[in-house]
Amino acid sequence: MPARQLLRRTTLILLLPALLLSAALLPSATDARPKLRKCDIGANRPLRCGYIMVPAVRGKPAAGKQKIAFAVRPRGDRSRPSLGAFVYIEGGPGYAPTSPDSFKPLAAVMAPFLKRREIIAIDQRGTGRSKALFCKGLQRGTVSYQRGLKQCAKQLGVRREGYTTASSAADIEAVRKALELPKRKMILYGDSYGTYLGQSYAARYGKGMKGLVLSSAYPGNDPFWRTLYPAAQRAVTRSCNRAPNCSGNALGRLNRMLRKAGTSSKLSSNVLNYLMGDASSYAPGGFDHLNRVVTEYLHGHGRELRQLVHPYGPNQGPANYFSVGMYAAVVCNDYPVPWKRSSPVSTRRRQLNRAIADFRPSNWWAPIGMKTWAYGSASDISACLSWPKRSGNYQPPIPRGRRMPGRLDTLILAGEFDSITSVREARKVKSRFPRGRLYIVPSRGHVSELYFPFTSPATPRIRHFVRGLGN
């Protein structure tokens, strides 16, 4: 599955410490803490930016150092002590929270708390101001995804081992310590891929943390994305049932459209990609729009459908906005693969083909051929066939056998119409947390509070949760 479809398996992470981010976050020139300087990221007000240096690969000093940059939005009321800070980290992986497109929605969600609390946006290694990883072939789309990945791995050398979820969790903790943020007042907020990173942080460093919010959560990736199509089918049906301008069987119409176009056609592929991406991100409107143009297509007018689902171009834009190399490196390092990582590439390919041949989903979507589903779903991870095997000091996102902190209040949000990270996956995440609570955001899709911060039902639920944790 192309990276663009998964961009908001992407995360945000907000840590909410307390008591200190007044003068403490603005150290003097002689202070050992990071120096903060005034900066403008296009977030409607000036911020203070700084950075720390961490090992590029922990345990391998020869790999050098990695810059981890961050931006601080000071609290509005400086006449009273700070109650804490939201520390925000984007997902993807590959996005930077210091981008105004990311920072401003988060600030809107947390607006009621910003008189007494700061926001700290941390760019993960390889994103934004943290030395954005630029792998030319991948970023510009000038070569195949698989070839670009091979080139990127060669370009990185041993430093590729540092692009892992566990490393990013350690980077968050390093920034927290450098700024002397008290963990007892922290609320960690993560969305999409950030929920994966958030779980990694909670498992390793979460003891004593006050709260955790995971929006559009998933427990770990399945190479075949078994929940994707079933969740999309439910969303198509339910969104039509609730829309005043939709009647009849929307899923049946979509099935007829796929058969008419040919389930292996480029148009059908584009429709499915839209269904799993933008339709879910902009739900319910995305599904309503798709239903309308599918109906027109069945009546002989297919222009709007083709325009709606036309794929993004191969050029992914600037790496400091979204780094395809960083995305690919984390996916290949961390996500499960249907082959033995110690095997040579030729053996890996045979193991992949065997796994595809054995793929038998219990909830198969009839218009989509089994082969189309299997190969399409596995396309993202199959590009990792040539990625070098893990080193001996590799750390998984969540240590084997590690339990989440028993006293950590956790809110898990799942969009009812989200096919990217499904309600089913969110339920699995909830089961990991002894004090976890699940809220299914009605008639909404993927991380709706960031796409629609002023209207999503997720926004007031998050605010209610934060208030309930107290100061």
Protein backbone atom coordinates (compact mmCIF):
# COMPACT_ATOMS: atom_id res chain seq x y z
CA MET A 1 0.00 0.00 0.00
CA PRO A 2 1.55 3.33 -1.01
CA ALA A 3 2.80 5.55 1.78
CA ARG A 4 0.34 8.33 0.96
CA GLN A 5 -2.59 6.13 2.01
CA LEU A 6 -1.20 5.68 5.49
CA LEU A 7 0.03 9.15 6.19
CA ARG A 8 -2.02 9.56 9.29
CA ARG A 9 -1.26 6.19 10.72
CA THR A 10 0.66 9.13 11.68
CA THR A 11 0.79 10.40 15.07
CA LEU A 12 0.69 13.12 17.46
CA ILE A 13 1.98 12.89 20.88
CA LEU A 14 1.26 15.32 23.63
CA LEU A 15 2.89 15.13 26.96
CA LEU A 16 1.33 17.24 29.66
CA PRO A 17 3.76 17.93 32.46
CA ALA A 18 3.19 20.58 35.09
CA LEU A 19 4.51 23.30 37.30
CA LEU A 20 7.54 24.19 35.43
CA LEU A 21 7.38 25.59 31.98
CA SER A 22 7.71 29.21 32.99
CA ALA A 23 11.24 30.48 33.36
CA ALA A 24 12.43 26.89 33.51
CA LEU A 25 11.82 26.41 29.79
CA LEU A 26 13.63 29.61 28.98
CA PRO A 27 17.09 28.82 30.34
CA SER A 28 19.79 31.41 30.73
CA ALA A 29 22.88 31.41 28.58
CA THR A 30 24.79 29.57 31.29
CA ASP A 31 22.11 26.93 31.82
CA ALA A 32 23.04 23.38 30.79
CA ARG A 33 19.61 22.83 29.32
CA PRO A 34 18.94 23.44 25.61
CA LYS A 35 19.01 27.06 24.50
CA LEU A 36 15.67 28.28 23.18
CA ARG A 37 15.47 31.00 20.55
CA LYS A 38 12.50 32.85 19.12
CA CYS A 39 11.16 31.21 15.96
CA ASP A 40 8.23 31.52 13.57
CA ILE A 41 6.69 28.29 12.26
CA GLY A 42 3.56 29.94 10.89
CA ALA A 43 1.44 29.07 13.92
CA ASN A 44 -0.10 32.55 14.38
CA ARG A 45 2.26 33.48 17.19
CA PRO A 46 6.01 33.34 17.86
CA LEU A 47 7.41 30.23 19.50
CA ARG A 48 10.71 29.29 21.11
CA CYS A 49 12.79 26.65 19.35
CA GLY A 50 15.68 24.47 20.47
CA TYR A 51 17.24 21.05 20.05
CA ILE A 52 19.27 18.34 21.72
CA MET A 53 21.72 15.82 20.29
CA VAL A 54 21.20 12.09 20.86
CA PRO A 55 23.00 8.98 19.58
CA ALA A 56 22.10 8.18 15.96
CA VAL A 57 22.12 4.52 16.99
CA ARG A 58 22.11 3.83 20.71
CA GLY A 59 24.88 1.42 21.57
CA LYS A 60 26.93 2.33 18.48
CA PRO A 61 28.85 5.58 19.13
CA ALA A 62 30.60 5.35 15.76
CA ALA A 63 27.26 6.06 14.05
CA GLY A 64 27.46 9.64 15.28
CA LYS A 65 24.80 11.96 16.65
CA GLN A 66 21.23 12.81 15.67
CA LYS A 67 19.55 16.20 16.11
CA ILE A 68 16.15 16.21 17.86
CA ALA A 69 14.47 19.60 17.45
CA PHE A 70 11.42 21.01 19.20
CA ALA A 71 9.31 24.18 19.41
CA VAL A 72 7.65 25.58 22.53
CA ARG A 73 4.43 27.62 22.57
CA PRO A 74 4.52 29.58 25.87
CA ARG A 75 1.36 29.61 27.98
CA GLY A 76 -0.94 32.61 27.69
CA ASP A 77 -0.97 33.66 31.36
CA ARG A 78 2.58 34.25 32.55
CA SER A 79 1.41 35.89 35.80
CA ARG A 80 0.64 32.51 37.36
CA PRO A 81 2.67 29.29 37.59
CA SER A 82 2.49 26.83 34.73
CA LEU A 83 0.26 23.80 35.18
CA GLY A 84 2.25 21.78 32.68
CA ALA A 85 2.88 21.32 28.99
CA PHE A 86 1.53 19.41 26.04
CA VAL A 87 4.41 17.82 24.17
CA TYR A 88 3.34 17.08 20.63
CA ILE A 89 4.90 14.58 18.24
CA GLU A 90 3.52 13.87 14.77
CA GLY A 91 3.21 10.50 13.13
CA GLY A 92 3.15 9.07 9.64
CA PRO A 93 5.80 8.18 10.51
CA GLY A 94 7.49 11.01 8.64
CA TYR A 95 5.52 14.16 9.46
CA ALA A 96 6.79 17.08 11.55
CA PRO A 97 4.60 18.69 14.24
CA THR A 98 6.39 22.00 13.77
CA SER A 99 4.55 22.30 10.46
CA PRO A 100 1.64 24.75 10.88
CA ASP A 101 -0.66 22.19 9.23
CA SER A 102 -0.02 19.95 12.21
CA PHE A 103 0.58 22.43 15.00
CA LYS A 104 -2.49 24.65 14.60
CA PRO A 105 -5.16 21.89 14.77
CA LEU A 106 -3.54 20.50 17.89
CA ALA A 107 -3.52 23.95 19.50
CA ALA A 108 -7.22 24.30 18.66
CA VAL A 109 -8.07 21.00 20.35
CA MET A 110 -6.15 21.97 23.49
CA ALA A 111 -7.17 25.66 23.45
CA PRO A 112 -9.04 25.65 26.83
CA PHE A 113 -5.81 24.66 28.61
CA LEU A 114 -3.30 26.98 26.95
CA LYS A 115 -3.53 29.88 29.40
CA ARG A 116 -1.82 27.77 32.04
CA ARG A 117 -0.03 25.17 29.91
CA GLU A 118 2.57 25.17 27.15
CA ILE A 119 2.77 23.12 23.96
CA ILE A 120 6.06 21.50 23.03
CA ALA A 121 6.22 20.09 19.49
CA ILE A 122 9.01 17.56 18.99
CA ASP A 123 10.12 16.62 15.48
CA GLN A 124 11.03 12.95 15.39
CA ARG A 125 14.45 12.04 14.05
CA GLY A 126 14.49 12.39 10.28
CA THR A 127 11.53 14.80 10.17
CA GLY A 128 11.12 18.57 10.01
CA ARG A 129 13.84 20.41 11.90
CA SER A 130 15.36 17.16 13.18
CA LYS A 131 17.52 16.81 10.06
CA ALA A 132 14.76 15.63 7.72
CA LEU A 133 15.76 12.43 5.96
CA PHE A 134 15.89 13.00 2.20
CA CYS A 135 16.18 9.86 0.09
CA LYS A 136 15.95 11.34 -3.40
CA GLY A 137 14.45 8.40 -5.29
CA LEU A 138 11.71 7.86 -2.71
CA GLN A 139 10.95 11.53 -2.08
CA ARG A 140 10.83 12.56 -5.73
CA GLY A 141 9.27 9.32 -6.99
CA THR A 142 11.84 9.06 -9.78
CA VAL A 143 12.40 5.33 -9.27
CA SER A 144 10.23 2.43 -8.16
CA TYR A 145 9.40 2.32 -4.47
CA GLN A 146 11.39 -0.89 -3.98
CA ARG A 147 14.46 0.46 -5.78
CA GLY A 148 14.20 3.73 -3.89
CA LEU A 149 14.15 1.79 -0.64
CA LYS A 150 17.34 -0.07 -1.55
CA GLN A 151 19.02 3.23 -2.38
CA CYS A 152 17.82 4.75 0.89
CA ALA A 153 19.16 1.84 2.96
CA LYS A 154 22.54 2.19 1.25
CA GLN A 155 22.54 5.96 1.80
CA LEU A 156 21.85 5.56 5.52
CA GLY A 157 24.34 2.80 6.21
CA VAL A 158 24.44 1.85 9.88
CA ARG A 159 22.31 4.89 10.78
CA ARG A 160 19.26 3.10 9.35
CA GLU A 161 19.21 1.08 12.61
CA GLY A 162 18.23 4.24 14.49
CA TYR A 163 14.95 4.76 12.63
CA THR A 164 12.74 2.74 14.95
CA THR A 165 9.77 3.39 17.19
CA ALA A 166 11.81 2.46 20.26
CA SER A 167 14.47 5.03 19.32
CA SER A 168 11.82 7.73 18.92
CA ALA A 169 10.37 6.84 22.33
CA ALA A 170 13.84 7.21 23.83
CA ASP A 171 14.21 10.56 22.05
CA ILE A 172 10.98 11.82 23.66
CA GLU A 173 12.29 10.82 27.06
CA ALA A 174 15.62 12.52 26.34
CA VAL A 175 13.84 15.80 25.52
CA ARG A 176 11.67 15.46 28.63
CA LYS A 177 14.75 15.06 30.80
CA ALA A 178 16.64 17.86 29.07
CA LEU A 179 13.77 20.27 29.75
CA GLU A 180 13.25 18.83 33.24
CA LEU A 181 9.57 18.15 32.67
CA PRO A 182 8.01 16.35 35.67
CA LYS A 183 6.53 13.07 34.52
CA ARG A 184 3.88 13.06 37.26
CA LYS A 185 2.01 15.79 35.36
CA MET A 186 2.39 14.32 31.88
CA ILE A 187 -0.43 13.41 29.54
CA LEU A 188 0.79 11.67 26.42
CA TYR A 189 -1.41 12.16 23.38
CA GLY A 190 -0.81 10.17 20.22
CA ASP A 191 -2.78 9.72 17.02
CA SER A 192 -2.54 7.02 14.36
CA TYR A 193 1.11 5.88 14.07
CA GLY A 194 1.62 8.04 17.15
CA THR A 195 -0.53 5.64 19.11
CA TYR A 196 2.02 2.95 18.26
CA LEU A 197 4.79 5.29 19.40
CA GLY A 198 2.67 6.28 22.40
CA GLN A 199 2.31 2.67 23.47
CA SER A 200 6.07 2.23 23.09
CA TYR A 201 6.72 5.28 25.28
CA ALA A 202 4.15 4.18 27.86
CA ALA A 203 5.59 0.67 28.08
CA ARG A 204 9.13 1.94 28.61
CA TYR A 205 8.75 5.24 30.43
CA GLY A 206 5.08 5.59 31.37
CA LYS A 207 5.25 4.72 35.06
CA GLY A 208 4.21 7.81 36.98
CA MET A 209 2.64 9.44 33.95
CA LYS A 210 -0.74 10.97 34.70
CA GLY A 211 -2.65 10.20 31.51
CA LEU A 212 -2.51 8.90 27.96
CA VAL A 213 -4.70 9.66 24.94
CA LEU A 214 -4.48 7.40 21.88
CA SER A 215 -6.54 8.56 18.90
CA SER A 216 -7.09 6.14 15.99
CA ALA A 217 -5.14 3.47 17.78
CA TYR A 218 -3.80 0.18 16.49
CA PRO A 219 -1.85 -2.55 18.32
CA GLY A 220 0.70 -3.25 15.59
CA ASN A 221 0.62 -3.73 11.85
CA ASP A 222 -0.73 -6.74 9.99
CA PRO A 223 1.14 -7.25 6.67
CA PHE A 224 -2.18 -7.98 4.93
CA TRP A 225 -4.26 -5.25 6.62
CA ARG A 226 -7.09 -7.68 7.36
CA THR A 227 -9.28 -5.06 9.05
CA LEU A 228 -9.06 -2.51 6.23
CA TYR A 229 -11.67 -3.68 3.73
CA PRO A 230 -14.25 -4.93 6.26
CA ALA A 231 -14.08 -1.60 8.11
CA ALA A 232 -14.51 0.26 4.83
CA GLN A 233 -17.58 -1.81 3.92
CA ARG A 234 -19.23 -0.97 7.24
CA ALA A 235 -18.40 2.71 6.82
CA VAL A 236 -19.91 2.85 3.31
CA THR A 237 -23.15 1.29 4.55
CA ARG A 238 -23.50 3.22 7.81
CA SER A 239 -22.56 6.60 6.34
CA CYS A 240 -25.28 6.22 3.71
CA ASN A 241 -27.85 5.10 6.29
CA ARG A 242 -27.27 8.33 8.24
CA ALA A 243 -26.92 10.77 5.35
CA PRO A 244 -30.11 12.67 4.47
CA ASN A 245 -29.22 12.68 0.76
CA CYS A 246 -28.35 8.96 0.48
CA SER A 247 -30.81 6.15 -0.03
CA GLY A 248 -30.77 2.53 -1.09
CA ASN A 249 -27.80 0.17 -0.88
CA ALA A 250 -24.59 2.22 -1.12
CA LEU A 251 -22.34 -0.82 -0.75
CA GLY A 252 -24.24 -2.62 -3.50
CA ARG A 253 -23.72 0.38 -5.80
CA LEU A 254 -20.01 0.41 -5.01
CA ASN A 255 -19.78 -3.33 -5.74
CA ARG A 256 -21.48 -2.82 -9.12
CA MET A 257 -19.12 0.03 -9.93
CA LEU A 258 -16.07 -2.13 -9.16
CA ARG A 259 -17.38 -4.97 -11.33
CA LYS A 260 -18.29 -2.62 -14.17
CA ALA A 261 -14.84 -1.00 -14.18
CA GLY A 262 -13.13 -4.34 -13.63
CA THR A 263 -11.83 -5.19 -10.19
CA SER A 264 -8.24 -5.21 -11.44
CA SER A 265 -8.59 -1.94 -13.39
CA LYS A 266 -6.72 1.26 -12.56
CA LEU A 267 -10.00 3.01 -11.75
CA SER A 268 -11.02 0.34 -9.25
CA SER A 269 -7.57 0.50 -7.66
CA ASN A 270 -7.87 4.28 -7.32
CA VAL A 271 -11.36 3.98 -5.82
CA LEU A 272 -10.15 1.48 -3.22
CA ASN A 273 -7.16 3.67 -2.39
CA TYR A 274 -9.47 6.66 -1.92
CA LEU A 275 -11.81 4.55 0.20
CA MET A 276 -8.97 3.56 2.54
CA GLY A 277 -7.43 7.03 2.62
CA ASP A 278 -9.20 10.32 2.02
CA ALA A 279 -12.74 8.95 2.46
CA SER A 280 -11.76 7.75 5.93
CA SER A 281 -9.86 10.92 6.80
CA TYR A 282 -12.68 13.24 5.77
CA ALA A 283 -15.60 11.13 7.01
CA PRO A 284 -18.51 11.36 6.79
CA GLY A 285 -18.23 13.79 3.88
CA GLY A 286 -15.67 11.67 2.03
CA PHE A 287 -18.01 8.67 1.94
CA ASP A 288 -20.99 10.83 0.96
CA HIS A 289 -19.05 12.33 -1.94
CA LEU A 290 -17.86 8.91 -3.10
CA ASN A 291 -21.39 7.51 -3.02
CA ARG A 292 -22.67 10.40 -5.16
CA VAL A 293 -20.04 10.07 -7.89
CA VAL A 294 -20.31 6.25 -7.90
CA THR A 295 -24.04 6.65 -8.56
CA GLU A 296 -23.27 9.03 -11.44
CA TYR A 297 -20.73 6.55 -12.84
CA LEU A 298 -23.36 3.80 -12.91
CA HIS A 299 -25.57 6.18 -14.92
CA GLY A 300 -22.85 6.71 -17.50
CA HIS A 301 -21.15 9.81 -16.08
CA GLY A 302 -17.75 8.81 -14.72
CA ARG A 303 -15.75 12.02 -14.99
CA GLU A 304 -16.28 13.19 -11.40
CA LEU A 305 -15.43 9.75 -10.02
CA ARG A 306 -12.14 9.70 -11.93
CA GLN A 307 -11.32 13.21 -10.74
CA LEU A 308 -12.14 12.44 -7.11
CA VAL A 309 -9.99 9.32 -6.86
CA HIS A 310 -7.12 10.45 -9.08
CA PRO A 311 -3.95 9.49 -7.19
CA TYR A 312 -1.37 11.90 -5.87
CA GLY A 313 1.67 12.38 -8.06
CA PRO A 314 4.90 10.49 -7.38
CA ASN A 315 6.65 13.58 -5.98
CA GLN A 316 5.90 13.70 -2.24
CA GLY A 317 7.02 17.31 -1.80
CA PRO A 318 9.65 18.58 0.65
CA ALA A 319 11.11 16.06 3.07
CA ASN A 320 10.85 18.52 5.96
CA TYR A 321 7.04 18.31 5.59
CA PHE A 322 6.81 14.56 5.05
CA SER A 323 9.87 12.31 4.80
CA VAL A 324 9.17 9.21 2.72
CA GLY A 325 12.59 7.87 3.68
CA MET A 326 11.81 8.12 7.38
CA TYR A 327 8.42 6.48 6.81
CA ALA A 328 9.96 3.62 4.84
CA ALA A 329 12.82 3.06 7.29
CA VAL A 330 10.49 2.75 10.30
CA VAL A 331 8.07 0.48 8.39
CA CYS A 332 10.88 -1.84 7.27
CA ASN A 333 12.59 -1.87 10.66
CA ASP A 334 9.54 -2.28 12.90
CA TYR A 335 6.46 -3.68 11.18
CA PRO A 336 5.89 -7.46 11.00
CA VAL A 337 6.91 -9.12 7.73
CA PRO A 338 5.75 -12.48 6.27
CA TRP A 339 9.30 -13.78 5.92
CA LYS A 340 12.32 -14.52 8.06
CA ARG A 341 14.46 -11.41 8.31
CA SER A 342 17.62 -13.52 8.51
CA SER A 343 16.91 -15.08 5.09
CA PRO A 344 18.50 -13.90 1.82
CA VAL A 345 16.29 -11.84 -0.48
CA SER A 346 15.52 -14.76 -2.82
CA THR A 347 14.29 -16.86 0.10
CA ARG A 348 12.33 -13.93 1.52
CA ARG A 349 10.52 -13.57 -1.82
CA ARG A 350 9.53 -17.24 -1.81
CA GLN A 351 8.30 -16.93 1.77
CA LEU A 352 6.28 -13.83 0.84
CA ASN A 353 4.70 -15.57 -2.15
CA ARG A 354 3.84 -18.56 0.02
CA ALA A 355 2.18 -16.29 2.58
CA ILE A 356 0.18 -14.60 -0.18
CA ALA A 357 -0.90 -17.95 -1.60
CA ASP A 358 -2.02 -19.08 1.87
CA PHE A 359 -3.90 -15.84 2.58
CA ARG A 360 -7.54 -16.68 3.34
CA PRO A 361 -9.41 -13.78 4.94
CA SER A 362 -12.54 -14.81 6.82
CA ASN A 363 -14.26 -11.57 5.80
CA TRP A 364 -13.41 -11.45 2.11
CA TRP A 365 -15.00 -8.61 0.14
CA ALA A 366 -16.54 -10.38 -2.86
CA PRO A 367 -15.86 -7.83 -5.65
CA ILE A 368 -12.17 -7.86 -4.83
CA GLY A 369 -10.29 -10.93 -5.96
CA MET A 370 -8.32 -12.78 -3.32
CA LYS A 371 -5.11 -12.21 -5.26
CA THR A 372 -5.86 -8.50 -5.67
CA TRP A 373 -6.48 -8.15 -1.94
CA ALA A 374 -3.37 -10.07 -0.95
CA TYR A 375 -0.94 -8.43 -3.37
CA GLY A 376 -2.45 -4.97 -2.90
CA SER A 377 -2.42 -5.15 0.87
CA ALA A 378 1.11 -6.55 1.04
CA SER A 379 2.59 -4.11 -1.48
CA ASP A 380 3.79 -1.68 1.20
CA ILE A 381 5.65 -4.24 3.27
CA SER A 382 6.84 -6.27 0.25
CA ALA A 383 8.96 -3.28 -0.79
CA CYS A 384 11.04 -4.09 2.31
CA LEU A 385 12.24 -7.41 0.85
CA SER A 386 15.75 -6.07 0.31
CA TRP A 387 15.93 -4.08 3.56
CA PRO A 388 18.92 -5.26 5.66
CA LYS A 389 18.19 -7.57 8.57
CA ARG A 390 17.94 -6.20 12.09
CA SER A 391 21.09 -5.81 14.13
CA GLY A 392 21.70 -7.65 17.37
CA ASN A 393 20.84 -4.60 19.48
CA TYR A 394 17.44 -3.99 17.83
CA GLN A 395 14.72 -3.00 20.30
CA PRO A 396 11.06 -3.75 19.42
CA PRO A 397 8.42 -1.02 19.85
CA ILE A 398 7.08 -2.73 22.98
CA PRO A 399 9.49 -4.98 24.89
CA ARG A 400 8.41 -8.61 24.91
CA GLY A 401 6.34 -9.38 27.99
CA ARG A 402 6.24 -5.74 29.13
CA ARG A 403 2.93 -4.63 30.63
CA MET A 404 1.51 -1.15 30.51
CA PRO A 405 1.52 0.83 33.78
CA GLY A 406 -1.39 -0.33 35.94
CA ARG A 407 -2.34 3.14 37.18
CA LEU A 408 -2.13 4.95 33.86
CA ASP A 409 -5.49 6.51 32.94
CA THR A 410 -5.85 5.99 29.20
CA LEU A 411 -8.39 7.24 26.66
CA ILE A 412 -8.54 5.34 23.36
CA LEU A 413 -10.50 6.95 20.52
CA ALA A 414 -11.66 5.18 17.36
CA GLY A 415 -13.57 6.75 14.50
CA GLU A 416 -16.68 4.75 13.71
CA PHE A 417 -16.02 5.21 9.97
CA ASP A 418 -12.25 4.79 10.18
CA SER A 419 -10.95 2.08 7.85
CA ILE A 420 -7.27 3.00 8.30
CA THR A 421 -7.24 2.15 12.00
CA SER A 422 -10.41 0.26 12.82
CA VAL A 423 -12.58 0.04 15.91
CA ARG A 424 -11.58 -3.61 16.15
CA GLU A 425 -7.92 -2.63 16.41
CA ALA A 426 -8.72 0.02 19.02
CA ARG A 427 -10.42 -2.61 21.18
CA LYS A 428 -7.20 -4.64 21.14
CA VAL A 429 -5.24 -1.59 22.26
CA LYS A 430 -7.71 -0.96 25.08
CA SER A 431 -7.16 -4.50 26.38
CA ARG A 432 -3.51 -3.65 27.03
CA PHE A 433 -4.30 -0.91 29.53
CA PRO A 434 -5.78 -1.81 32.95
CA ARG A 435 -7.36 1.65 33.17
CA GLY A 436 -8.17 2.06 29.50
CA ARG A 437 -11.44 3.56 28.25
CA LEU A 438 -12.65 3.35 24.66
CA TYR A 439 -14.69 6.08 22.97
CA ILE A 440 -16.03 5.33 19.48
CA VAL A 441 -16.34 8.70 17.75
CA PRO A 442 -19.75 8.57 16.03
CA SER A 443 -19.93 9.04 12.25
CA ARG A 444 -16.28 10.10 12.06
CA GLY A 445 -13.14 8.71 10.52
CA HIS A 446 -9.41 8.87 11.08
CA VAL A 447 -8.10 11.27 13.78
CA SER A 448 -11.11 13.49 13.21
CA GLU A 449 -10.19 15.98 15.95
CA LEU A 450 -7.16 17.03 13.89
CA TYR A 451 -8.99 17.24 10.56
CA PHE A 452 -12.02 18.91 12.15
CA PRO A 453 -10.91 20.29 15.55
CA PHE A 454 -13.95 22.55 15.98
CA THR A 455 -16.69 20.07 15.02
CA SER A 456 -15.48 16.55 15.78
CA PRO A 457 -17.13 14.87 18.79
CA ALA A 458 -13.63 13.68 19.71
CA THR A 459 -12.54 17.20 20.71
CA PRO A 460 -14.92 17.65 23.67
CA ARG A 461 -14.27 14.06 24.78
CA ILE A 462 -10.52 14.68 24.88
CA ARG A 463 -11.04 17.93 26.81
CA HIS A 464 -13.34 16.16 29.26
CA PHE A 465 -10.69 13.50 29.82
CA VAL A 466 -7.94 16.07 30.44
CA ARG A 467 -10.12 18.02 32.89
CA GLY A 468 -10.97 14.81 34.72
CA LEU A 469 -7.30 14.17 35.41
CA GLY A 470 -7.09 17.41 37.38
CA ASN A 471 -4.07 19.62 37.77
